[in-house]
Protein backbone atom coordinates (compact mmCIF):
# COMPACT_ATOMS: atom_id res chain seq x y z
CA MET A 1 128.35 108.56 87.97
CA ARG A 2 126.35 111.47 89.31
CA ALA A 3 127.26 115.00 88.29
CA PRO A 4 128.24 117.51 91.02
CA GLU A 5 125.08 119.55 90.39
CA HIS A 6 123.01 116.46 91.19
CA ASP A 7 124.76 116.21 94.56
CA ARG A 8 124.11 119.88 95.25
CA THR A 9 120.44 119.51 94.38
CA LEU A 10 120.16 116.42 96.58
CA ARG A 11 121.69 118.32 99.50
CA SER A 12 119.28 121.20 98.99
CA MET A 13 116.34 118.77 99.02
CA ARG A 14 117.57 117.23 102.25
CA ASP A 15 117.97 120.71 103.77
CA ALA A 16 114.37 121.50 102.80
CA VAL A 17 113.20 118.37 104.61
CA GLU A 18 115.25 119.32 107.68
CA GLN A 19 113.58 122.71 107.73
CA GLU A 20 110.15 121.07 107.55
CA LEU A 21 111.10 118.75 110.40
CA ALA A 22 112.28 121.67 112.52
CA ALA A 23 109.01 123.46 111.88
CA ALA A 24 107.00 120.36 112.73
CA ALA A 25 108.89 119.86 115.99
CA THR A 26 107.57 123.16 117.32
CA GLY A 27 104.02 121.84 117.45
CA GLY A 28 101.86 118.93 116.39
CA ALA A 29 104.77 116.49 116.01
CA ARG A 30 102.93 113.85 118.03
CA ALA A 31 99.23 113.42 118.64
CA ALA A 32 97.79 111.10 121.30
CA PHE A 33 94.17 110.90 122.38
CA GLY A 34 91.46 108.48 123.43
CA VAL A 35 89.14 107.08 120.78
CA ASP A 36 86.30 104.66 120.22
CA ALA A 37 87.31 102.79 117.06
CA THR A 38 85.04 100.74 114.81
CA ARG A 39 86.31 98.20 112.32
CA VAL A 40 84.95 99.07 108.87
CA ALA A 41 86.94 96.71 106.66
CA ARG A 42 89.05 93.59 106.99
CA GLY A 43 91.17 91.84 104.39
CA PRO A 44 94.39 89.89 103.80
CA GLY A 45 96.48 93.02 104.36
CA GLY A 46 95.02 93.98 107.73
CA CYS A 47 92.07 95.95 109.10
CA LEU A 48 90.67 99.45 108.75
CA TYR A 49 89.26 101.24 111.79
CA ARG A 50 87.26 104.45 111.76
CA VAL A 51 87.95 106.84 114.64
CA ASP A 52 86.62 110.27 115.58
CA PRO A 53 89.55 112.35 116.88
CA PRO A 54 88.93 115.45 119.00
CA PRO A 55 88.58 118.68 116.99
CA GLU A 56 91.89 120.06 118.23
CA ALA A 57 93.88 117.00 117.13
CA SER A 58 96.43 117.65 114.37
CA LEU A 59 96.88 114.72 111.99
CA VAL A 60 98.96 113.99 108.89
CA GLU A 61 97.76 111.33 106.46
CA ASP A 62 100.06 108.29 106.04
CA ALA A 63 101.75 109.02 109.38
CA PRO A 64 102.72 106.00 111.53
CA ALA A 65 100.02 105.26 114.11
CA ARG A 66 99.46 102.90 117.02
CA LEU A 67 95.99 101.86 118.15
CA SER A 68 95.76 100.38 121.65
CA ALA A 69 92.93 98.62 123.44
CA GLY A 70 93.80 97.64 127.01
CA ASP A 71 96.86 95.41 126.90
CA ARG A 72 96.52 94.86 123.15
CA SER A 73 97.91 97.19 120.50
CA ALA A 74 98.45 97.24 116.75
CA ASP A 75 100.86 99.26 114.63
CA GLY A 76 99.72 100.82 111.40
CA ARG A 77 99.33 104.04 109.46
CA LEU A 78 96.83 106.81 109.29
CA GLY A 79 94.51 106.59 106.30
CA PRO A 80 92.37 109.32 104.74
CA VAL A 81 91.63 112.18 107.15
CA ALA A 82 88.26 113.94 106.93
CA ASP A 83 86.77 116.80 108.92
CA GLU A 84 85.22 114.65 111.62
CA SER A 85 86.81 111.21 111.28
CA CYS A 86 89.79 109.36 109.93
CA LEU A 87 90.80 105.82 109.06
CA VAL A 88 93.55 103.83 110.74
CA GLU A 89 95.11 100.89 108.93
CA THR A 90 96.39 98.22 111.35
CA ASP A 91 98.30 95.00 110.78
CA LEU A 92 96.36 93.18 113.54
CA ASP A 93 92.67 92.67 114.14
CA LEU A 94 91.65 94.17 117.49
CA GLY A 95 88.02 93.13 117.11
CA PRO A 96 84.96 94.80 115.65
CA ARG A 97 84.94 97.50 118.33
CA VAL A 98 87.71 99.16 120.31
CA PRO A 99 85.97 101.06 123.12
CA ALA A 100 88.03 103.40 125.27
CA GLY A 101 91.06 102.88 123.04
CA ARG A 102 94.03 105.15 122.50
CA LEU A 103 95.51 106.37 119.23
CA VAL A 104 99.06 107.71 118.95
CA VAL A 105 100.09 109.37 115.67
CA ASP A 106 103.64 110.37 114.73
CA ASN A 107 103.02 113.33 112.40
CA THR A 108 106.71 113.69 111.54
CA GLY A 109 107.00 110.09 110.37
CA PRO A 110 106.39 110.92 106.68
CA LEU A 111 109.07 113.61 106.71
CA ARG A 112 111.55 111.26 108.34
CA GLY A 113 110.67 108.62 105.76
CA LEU A 114 111.32 111.13 102.97
CA ARG A 115 114.65 112.06 104.53
CA ALA A 116 115.61 108.38 104.67
CA ARG A 117 114.76 107.99 100.97
CA LEU A 118 116.91 110.99 100.07
CA ASP A 119 119.75 109.69 102.25
CA ALA A 120 119.58 106.38 100.35
CA LEU A 121 120.39 108.26 97.14
CA THR A 122 123.82 109.29 98.47
CA GLY A 123 126.69 107.21 97.13
CA THR A 124 125.11 104.23 95.37
CA PRO A 125 121.50 105.27 94.75
CA ASP A 126 118.79 103.05 96.17
CA PRO A 127 116.81 102.25 94.09
CA PRO A 128 119.69 101.78 91.62
CA SER A 129 117.39 102.84 88.77
CA PHE A 130 116.92 106.34 90.23
CA ARG A 131 117.29 109.00 87.52
CA PHE A 132 118.76 112.26 88.79
CA ASP A 133 118.13 114.00 85.47
CA GLN A 134 114.45 113.13 85.67
CA ALA A 135 114.31 114.15 89.34
CA GLU A 136 115.55 117.66 88.60
CA LEU A 137 112.99 118.20 85.86
CA VAL A 138 110.23 119.14 88.31
CA LEU A 139 112.42 121.84 89.86
CA GLY A 140 112.65 123.73 86.56
CA SER A 141 110.36 124.79 83.74
CA PRO A 142 108.30 122.22 81.80
CA GLY A 143 109.61 121.17 78.42
CA GLY A 144 111.71 118.65 76.51
CA LYS A 145 110.38 116.97 73.39
CA LEU A 146 110.19 113.18 73.18
CA ARG A 147 110.20 111.05 70.04
CA ASP A 148 109.77 107.57 71.48
CA GLY A 149 107.09 104.98 70.84
CA ILE A 150 104.63 106.53 73.28
CA ALA A 151 105.00 109.96 71.67
CA ARG A 152 104.50 108.51 68.20
CA ALA A 153 101.46 106.55 69.37
CA ALA A 154 100.02 109.71 70.95
CA ASP A 155 100.44 111.55 67.63
CA SER A 156 98.91 108.80 65.55
CA THR A 157 96.03 107.87 67.83
CA ALA A 158 92.54 107.94 66.35
CA GLU A 159 90.91 108.11 69.79
CA TRP A 160 91.11 111.91 70.03
CA THR A 161 89.34 114.00 67.42
CA LEU A 162 90.27 117.48 66.25
CA ASP A 163 87.63 119.17 68.41
CA ASP A 164 88.61 117.18 71.51
CA ARG A 165 90.27 119.74 73.78
CA VAL A 166 91.09 117.25 76.52
CA GLY A 167 92.57 114.81 74.02
CA ASP A 168 94.73 117.52 72.50
CA VAL A 169 96.03 118.54 75.92
CA LEU A 170 96.91 114.97 76.85
CA ARG A 171 98.48 114.28 73.45
CA SER A 172 100.77 117.28 73.95
CA ALA A 173 101.65 116.15 77.48
CA LEU A 174 102.67 112.68 76.28
CA ARG A 175 105.22 114.23 73.94
CA GLN A 176 107.10 116.06 76.72
CA ARG A 177 109.63 114.91 79.30
CA TRP A 178 108.10 117.31 81.85
CA SER A 179 104.69 118.82 81.37
CA SER A 180 102.18 120.71 83.49
CA VAL A 181 98.55 120.19 82.52
CA GLN A 182 95.60 122.37 83.47
CA SER A 183 92.06 121.11 83.01
CA PRO A 184 90.36 122.85 80.06
CA PRO A 185 87.36 125.00 81.01
CA GLY A 186 84.24 122.98 81.63
CA THR A 187 86.09 119.70 82.26
CA ASP A 188 86.58 117.72 85.45
CA SER A 189 90.18 117.19 86.53
CA GLY A 190 89.36 113.71 87.84
CA THR A 191 88.01 112.65 84.45
CA LEU A 192 91.09 114.11 82.77
CA VAL A 193 93.45 112.13 85.04
CA ALA A 194 91.50 108.89 84.54
CA ARG A 195 91.56 109.40 80.78
CA LEU A 196 95.32 110.03 80.82
CA LEU A 197 95.99 106.91 82.90
CA ASP A 198 93.72 104.84 80.66
CA ARG A 199 95.61 106.06 77.60
CA LEU A 200 98.99 105.24 79.18
CA LEU A 201 97.83 101.73 80.01
CA GLY A 202 96.70 101.35 76.42
CA LEU A 203 100.21 102.35 75.32
CA GLU A 204 101.72 99.61 77.56
CA ALA A 205 103.50 102.17 79.78
CA THR A 206 104.30 101.53 83.45
CA VAL A 207 102.86 104.39 85.50
CA LEU A 208 103.15 105.78 89.02
CA PHE A 209 100.15 107.92 89.89
CA VAL A 210 100.19 110.00 93.09
CA ALA A 211 97.78 112.50 94.66
CA PRO A 212 97.96 114.38 97.98
CA THR A 213 95.07 112.57 99.70
CA GLY A 214 93.68 109.08 99.80
CA HIS A 215 90.24 110.33 98.80
CA ALA A 216 91.67 111.82 95.59
CA VAL A 217 93.50 108.56 94.81
CA ASP A 218 90.37 106.48 95.43
CA ARG A 219 88.23 108.72 93.19
CA THR A 220 90.74 108.37 90.36
CA VAL A 221 91.00 104.60 90.84
CA GLY A 222 87.21 104.36 90.67
CA ALA A 223 87.01 106.47 87.50
CA LEU A 224 89.82 104.48 85.87
CA GLY A 225 88.27 101.17 86.90
CA GLU A 226 84.99 102.22 85.29
CA ARG A 227 86.76 103.06 82.02
CA LEU A 228 88.65 99.77 82.02
CA ALA A 229 85.50 97.80 82.82
CA ARG A 230 83.60 99.44 79.95
CA SER A 231 86.36 98.52 77.49
CA GLY A 232 86.70 94.97 78.85
CA ARG A 233 90.30 95.48 80.00
CA LEU A 234 89.80 95.36 83.76
CA ARG A 235 91.73 92.52 85.34
CA SER A 236 93.22 91.74 88.73
CA GLY A 237 96.57 93.42 89.34
CA LEU A 238 96.66 95.70 86.28
CA VAL A 239 96.20 98.63 88.70
CA GLN A 240 97.42 98.36 92.28
CA ARG A 241 96.34 100.68 95.06
CA VAL A 242 99.22 101.07 97.52
CA GLY A 243 97.74 102.01 100.88
CA PRO A 244 94.24 101.56 102.31
CA LEU A 245 91.27 101.81 99.99
CA ALA A 246 88.56 103.59 101.95
CA PRO A 247 85.21 101.82 102.44
CA GLY A 248 82.61 102.76 99.88
CA ALA A 249 81.52 102.08 96.34
CA VAL A 250 85.07 102.07 94.91
CA ARG A 251 86.27 99.51 97.44
CA ASP A 252 83.19 97.34 97.03
CA ARG A 253 83.40 97.31 93.24
CA TYR A 254 87.12 97.45 92.47
CA GLY A 255 88.83 96.43 95.72
CA PRO A 256 89.44 92.81 94.65
CA PHE A 257 91.05 94.08 91.44
CA VAL A 258 93.37 96.76 92.88
CA GLU A 259 94.25 95.93 96.50
CA ALA A 260 97.77 94.48 96.57
CA ALA A 261 97.08 92.15 99.52
CA THR A 262 93.97 90.75 97.81
CA ILE A 263 95.84 90.36 94.52
CA ALA A 264 98.66 88.55 96.33
CA ALA A 265 96.12 86.26 98.00
CA ASP A 266 94.58 85.56 94.58
CA LEU A 267 98.01 84.81 93.13
CA ARG A 268 98.75 82.40 95.97
CA ALA A 269 95.38 80.77 95.44
CA GLY A 270 96.27 80.40 91.77
CA VAL A 271 99.60 78.83 92.70
CA ASP A 272 97.79 76.46 95.06
CA ALA A 273 95.40 75.52 92.25
CA ARG A 274 98.34 74.80 89.94
CA LEU A 275 100.01 72.73 92.65
CA ALA A 276 96.75 70.79 93.02
CA ASP A 277 96.75 70.25 89.24
CA LEU A 278 100.31 68.96 89.50
CA ASP A 279 99.19 66.51 92.18
CA ARG A 280 96.43 65.33 89.84
CA VAL A 281 98.87 65.05 86.95
CA GLU A 282 101.28 63.12 89.15
CA GLY A 283 98.46 60.73 90.05
CA ARG A 284 97.58 60.43 86.36
CA LEU A 285 101.20 59.62 85.49
CA ARG A 286 101.38 57.02 88.24
CA TYR A 287 98.09 55.48 87.05
CA ASP A 288 99.33 55.34 83.45
CA GLU A 289 102.62 53.79 84.56
CA LEU A 290 100.88 51.15 86.69
CA ASP A 291 98.38 50.45 83.91
CA ARG A 292 101.22 49.90 81.45
CA ARG A 293 103.06 47.77 83.98
CA ALA A 294 99.99 45.59 84.61
CA ALA A 295 99.45 45.13 80.85
CA GLU A 296 103.12 44.15 80.36
CA LEU A 297 102.94 41.64 83.21
CA ASP A 298 99.76 40.14 81.75
CA ARG A 299 101.45 39.76 78.36
CA ASP A 300 104.49 38.12 79.92
CA ALA A 301 102.29 35.70 81.87
CA ALA A 302 100.39 34.83 78.66
CA GLU A 303 103.68 34.11 76.90
CA LEU A 304 104.65 31.72 79.73
CA ASP A 305 101.31 29.96 79.30
CA GLY A 306 102.22 29.37 75.67
CA GLN A 307 105.65 28.09 76.58
CA LEU A 308 104.17 25.68 79.12
CA ALA A 309 101.77 24.35 76.49
CA ARG A 310 104.67 23.65 74.16
CA THR A 311 106.88 21.89 76.75
CA VAL A 312 105.74 18.30 76.08
CA GLY A 313 107.74 15.09 75.71
CA THR A 314 110.27 13.34 77.80
CA THR A 315 112.32 14.99 80.50
CA LEU A 316 115.41 14.51 78.35
CA ALA A 317 113.77 16.33 75.46
CA ARG A 318 112.72 19.22 77.69
CA ARG A 319 116.20 19.48 79.17
CA SER A 320 117.70 19.42 75.69
CA ARG A 321 115.58 22.47 74.84
CA GLY A 322 116.68 24.23 78.07
CA VAL A 323 113.12 24.55 79.38
CA ASP A 324 112.09 23.60 82.93
CA PRO A 325 108.29 23.51 83.35
CA ASP A 326 108.52 23.94 87.11
CA THR A 327 110.52 27.14 86.70
CA LEU A 328 107.99 28.42 84.17
CA VAL A 329 105.09 27.75 86.54
CA ILE A 330 106.80 29.59 89.38
CA ARG A 331 107.65 32.54 87.13
CA ARG A 332 104.08 32.66 85.78
CA HIS A 333 102.73 32.76 89.32
CA GLU A 334 105.10 35.67 90.18
CA LEU A 335 104.06 37.64 87.10
CA ARG A 336 100.37 37.18 87.79
CA THR A 337 100.81 38.24 91.41
CA GLN A 338 102.76 41.36 90.35
CA GLY A 339 100.13 42.11 87.70
CA ARG A 340 97.27 41.90 90.20
CA THR A 341 99.14 44.19 92.61
CA ALA A 342 99.82 46.75 89.87
CA ARG A 343 96.19 46.62 88.77
CA GLN A 344 94.95 47.10 92.33
CA ASP A 345 97.26 50.10 92.83
CA ALA A 346 96.08 51.58 89.52
CA ASP A 347 92.44 51.12 90.52
CA ARG A 348 93.11 52.75 93.89
CA ILE A 349 94.70 55.80 92.24
CA ALA A 350 91.82 55.98 89.74
CA ALA A 351 89.34 56.03 92.63
CA GLU A 352 91.31 58.81 94.37
CA LEU A 353 91.37 60.90 91.18
CA ALA A 354 87.65 60.35 90.64
CA ALA A 355 86.95 61.61 94.18
CA LEU A 356 88.73 64.93 93.50
CA GLU A 357 86.71 67.99 92.49
CA GLY A 358 87.11 69.09 88.90
CA PRO A 359 88.54 67.30 85.89
CA VAL A 360 91.99 65.74 85.91
CA PRO A 361 94.16 67.64 83.39
CA SER A 362 96.35 65.74 81.00
CA ALA A 363 100.09 65.73 81.46
CA GLU A 364 100.54 67.42 78.07
CA ALA A 365 98.27 70.32 79.09
CA VAL A 366 100.32 71.03 82.23
CA LEU A 367 103.85 69.89 81.37
CA GLY A 368 103.87 70.28 77.60
CA THR A 369 104.03 67.70 74.87
CA GLY A 370 106.85 65.29 74.20
CA GLY A 371 109.24 63.39 76.39
CA THR A 372 109.29 60.00 77.96
CA PRO A 373 107.37 59.29 81.19
CA ALA A 374 110.63 59.66 83.13
CA GLU A 375 111.26 63.06 81.52
CA GLN A 376 107.70 64.15 82.32
CA ARG A 377 108.21 63.23 85.96
CA ARG A 378 111.42 65.27 86.07
CA ARG A 379 109.61 68.26 84.55
CA LEU A 380 106.84 67.85 87.10
CA VAL A 381 109.33 67.95 89.97
CA ALA A 382 110.96 71.10 88.52
CA VAL A 383 107.61 72.88 88.01
CA ARG A 384 106.49 72.03 91.54
CA ARG A 385 109.75 73.43 92.94
CA GLU A 386 109.28 76.68 90.98
CA LEU A 387 105.67 77.06 92.10
CA ARG A 388 106.52 76.53 95.76
CA ALA A 389 109.27 79.15 95.51
CA ALA A 390 106.85 81.55 93.80
CA ARG A 391 104.31 81.06 96.54
CA GLU A 392 106.85 81.94 99.21
CA ASP A 393 107.96 85.09 97.32
CA ILE A 394 104.95 86.52 95.52
CA GLU A 395 106.48 89.98 94.86
CA PRO A 396 107.94 89.13 91.41
CA ALA A 397 104.53 87.93 90.29
CA LEU A 398 102.96 91.16 91.57
CA ARG A 399 105.54 93.25 89.67
CA ALA A 400 105.00 91.27 86.48
CA ARG A 401 101.22 91.73 86.67
CA CYS A 402 101.17 95.41 87.70
CA ARG A 403 101.17 98.22 85.10
CA LEU A 404 99.98 101.15 87.21
CA VAL A 405 100.60 101.96 90.88
CA ALA A 406 98.23 104.44 92.58
CA ALA A 407 99.21 105.92 95.94
CA THR A 408 99.18 109.09 97.96
CA THR A 409 102.19 111.35 97.55
CA ARG A 410 103.55 110.33 100.93
CA GLY A 411 102.48 106.72 100.57
CA ALA A 412 104.54 106.40 97.38
CA TYR A 413 107.79 106.82 99.28
CA LEU A 414 106.70 105.41 102.65
CA ARG A 415 105.19 102.11 101.54
CA GLY A 416 106.73 99.30 99.53
CA MET A 417 105.76 99.69 95.87
CA PRO A 418 105.43 96.86 93.33
CA ARG A 419 108.10 98.48 91.14
CA ALA A 420 111.31 100.45 91.60
CA SER A 421 111.02 102.45 88.37
CA PHE A 422 108.26 103.59 86.04
CA ASP A 423 107.98 104.97 82.55
CA VAL A 424 105.76 107.89 83.57
CA LEU A 425 105.02 109.71 86.83
CA VAL A 426 101.59 111.35 86.95
CA LEU A 427 101.44 113.87 89.79
CA ALA A 428 97.94 115.17 90.54
CA GLY A 429 97.84 118.07 92.96
CA PRO A 430 100.55 119.80 95.00
CA ALA A 431 103.64 118.19 96.53
CA LEU A 432 106.62 119.38 98.52
CA PRO A 433 109.67 120.00 96.29
CA PRO A 434 111.64 117.12 97.93
CA GLU A 435 108.65 114.81 97.40
CA ALA A 436 108.34 115.76 93.74
CA TYR A 437 112.12 115.45 93.32
CA TYR A 438 112.25 111.93 94.72
CA LEU A 439 109.16 110.66 92.88
CA ALA A 440 110.27 112.14 89.55
CA GLY A 441 113.54 110.25 89.84
CA LEU A 442 111.58 106.98 89.79
CA SER A 443 110.41 107.74 86.24
CA THR A 444 112.57 106.81 83.27
CA ARG A 445 110.66 108.69 80.57
CA SER A 446 108.47 111.61 81.61
CA VAL A 447 106.66 113.47 84.39
CA ILE A 448 103.13 114.86 83.98
CA ALA A 449 101.77 117.20 86.66
CA ILE A 450 98.02 117.85 86.60
CA GLY A 451 96.38 120.72 88.38
CA ASP A 452 99.52 122.67 89.36
CA ALA A 453 102.40 124.20 87.47
CA GLY A 454 104.97 122.62 89.74
CA PRO A 455 105.74 121.30 93.20
CA ALA A 456 104.32 123.32 96.06
CA ARG A 457 103.42 122.87 99.70
CA PRO A 458 100.48 120.50 100.20
CA GLU A 459 99.04 120.83 103.69
CA PRO A 460 101.27 122.88 105.98
CA TYR A 461 103.74 121.43 108.43
CA PRO A 462 103.16 121.42 111.31
CA PRO A 463 99.67 120.01 110.67
CA GLN A 464 96.76 122.30 111.37
CA PRO A 465 93.86 121.48 113.71
CA ARG A 466 90.72 120.29 111.98
CA ARG A 467 87.40 122.05 112.47
CA ARG A 468 84.11 120.27 112.79
CA ARG A 469 81.45 121.32 110.34
């Protein structure tokens, strides 16, 4: 049950967003202009186009955008905005070049998205894990001691020495519910953020990292990826970049490890590989069953040969023993025919398995040890059903793999994130008070702001025209 002061704070945050929307409506709410777009990246999640807007165009990063080329158009979002160009992320591929195209940008889209997120907190909060006490932390003064496992690990760590100023600052921040960190003199804030995120991953914390611009997020992801690679801990999906990763060295080196669409494609490829292994195992089980069946039929036919050899004497004697040689001959012929058929089927399956690429795994390696052949087949059917369901809904696998989500401040509440709650929110750079309020409520443990004492206005609304250098 929310306290009345939480409701009052929520209303004040919504009022602040309404004021920003009213200010944005007076100018720069919508930008539309002709562009020549060039595709600079393409992946499972869509395409990135670079455009050169006119100098007077006012743009807001992460705003909804629509790129048109003749009778074709693609919806998307605005990516990082620079002085002379910007990136547009589209869900459709319009080709390598879009000459004489048109770009329409809704600059108020992020504010409306933030208002929708705040509205979802009324009544039954969505996400249900939203913490109003954590959300209100960033509206007050830093403080609040913590004595949990992360705080104890930060105190006992041997990674930071006594003369390590950065380590001492970060150790103090990890012991607070709400802390504001300034870079010590002579240190780079990007290195400090990457070191903090690396330490949180080492402490098995789930982290949401946000920065005002995509360029700042990409720089941090690159610095963190370098630290993880040096320590041998870099793996696909540990860090997920929500939003477009701009072309460049970071994308080329770490894109396959951090892009959610690429990670999801890798997970699906892994599921497909496991399904292929199940097909091989199923063929192996069928081969083993047919091989056993053929051996049993051969043994039965051999026993009939022995019985026929012993059925000698008069017809009366044979009848007295209940043995009819003609019946035995017919039965022996049936067994040998069934045995040949089983052997042929087993040889056919063996040839099919030999034609497949890669080794055929054993049933025990895939399904576990123990159980009769019938039980192994039932387990195989159950595992195949689970894998097919996982391939259709890959989000749980993404959530289970992800430890850190990196996004722009607006992208964190506009785009679908792999998680609904996090242990720690790391906020680098300024943010609107409603933005900081909403994002802090997604954390269950602590909030660490780096570079600013508290939430503030990022770039003004309405957006300002850019100037060419």
